[in-house]
Amino acid sequence: MKFKKLFLISIFVFVLLMANTVMTFAATYEWSLASVLPESHPVHSSLEFFAKRVN
């Protein structure tokens, strides 16, 4: 019985640590717009427009 309780507590702590790690990575992720088109290209302005809408 003692082993089962210790096992459940260790699983719970492990899940909390993993959730904290995932949230930390998710919070630091930043999208960036990558395009090889010159700024004078009409599609470039469309990409900028949609990038602003996503953010």
Protein backbone atom coordinates (compact mmCIF):
# COMPACT_ATOMS: atom_id res chain seq x y z
CA MET A 1 0.00 0.00 0.00
CA LYS A 2 2.84 2.39 0.85
CA PHE A 3 4.53 1.67 -2.49
CA LYS A 4 1.32 2.41 -4.40
CA LYS A 5 0.85 5.74 -2.64
CA LEU A 6 4.47 6.74 -3.25
CA PHE A 7 4.16 5.73 -6.90
CA LEU A 8 1.02 7.85 -7.39
CA ILE A 9 2.63 10.86 -5.73
CA SER A 10 5.73 10.54 -7.92
CA ILE A 11 3.57 10.29 -11.07
CA PHE A 12 1.64 13.39 -10.00
CA VAL A 13 4.85 15.36 -9.41
CA PHE A 14 6.25 14.21 -12.75
CA VAL A 15 3.11 15.35 -14.60
CA LEU A 16 3.25 18.75 -12.88
CA LEU A 17 6.89 19.21 -13.83
CA MET A 18 6.23 18.24 -17.44
CA ALA A 19 3.25 20.60 -17.67
CA ASN A 20 5.38 23.42 -16.31
CA THR A 21 8.08 22.70 -18.89
CA VAL A 22 5.58 22.67 -21.76
CA MET A 23 4.04 25.95 -20.61
CA THR A 24 7.48 27.55 -20.39
CA PHE A 25 8.33 26.58 -23.96
CA ALA A 26 4.92 27.67 -25.23
CA ALA A 27 5.28 31.07 -23.58
CA THR A 28 8.65 31.80 -25.19
CA TYR A 29 7.74 30.77 -28.74
CA GLU A 30 7.49 33.65 -31.20
CA TRP A 31 6.24 33.53 -34.78
CA SER A 32 8.24 35.27 -37.47
CA LEU A 33 7.50 36.02 -41.08
CA ALA A 34 10.02 34.57 -43.51
CA SER A 35 9.74 35.51 -47.15
CA VAL A 36 12.21 35.57 -50.02
CA LEU A 37 10.08 38.04 -51.94
CA PRO A 38 11.28 41.63 -52.26
CA GLU A 39 9.27 44.29 -50.43
CA SER A 40 8.04 45.67 -53.77
CA HIS A 41 6.31 42.38 -54.62
CA PRO A 42 2.49 42.51 -54.16
CA VAL A 43 2.40 39.17 -52.35
CA HIS A 44 4.84 40.49 -49.74
CA SER A 45 2.31 43.10 -48.57
CA SER A 46 -0.36 40.39 -48.38
CA LEU A 47 1.91 38.23 -46.22
CA GLU A 48 2.51 41.18 -43.88
CA PHE A 49 -1.23 41.83 -43.66
CA PHE A 50 -2.04 38.23 -42.70
CA ALA A 51 0.89 38.09 -40.27
CA LYS A 52 -0.51 41.11 -38.43
CA ARG A 53 -3.95 39.48 -38.28
CA VAL A 54 -2.50 36.30 -36.79
CA ASN A 55 -0.72 38.23 -34.05
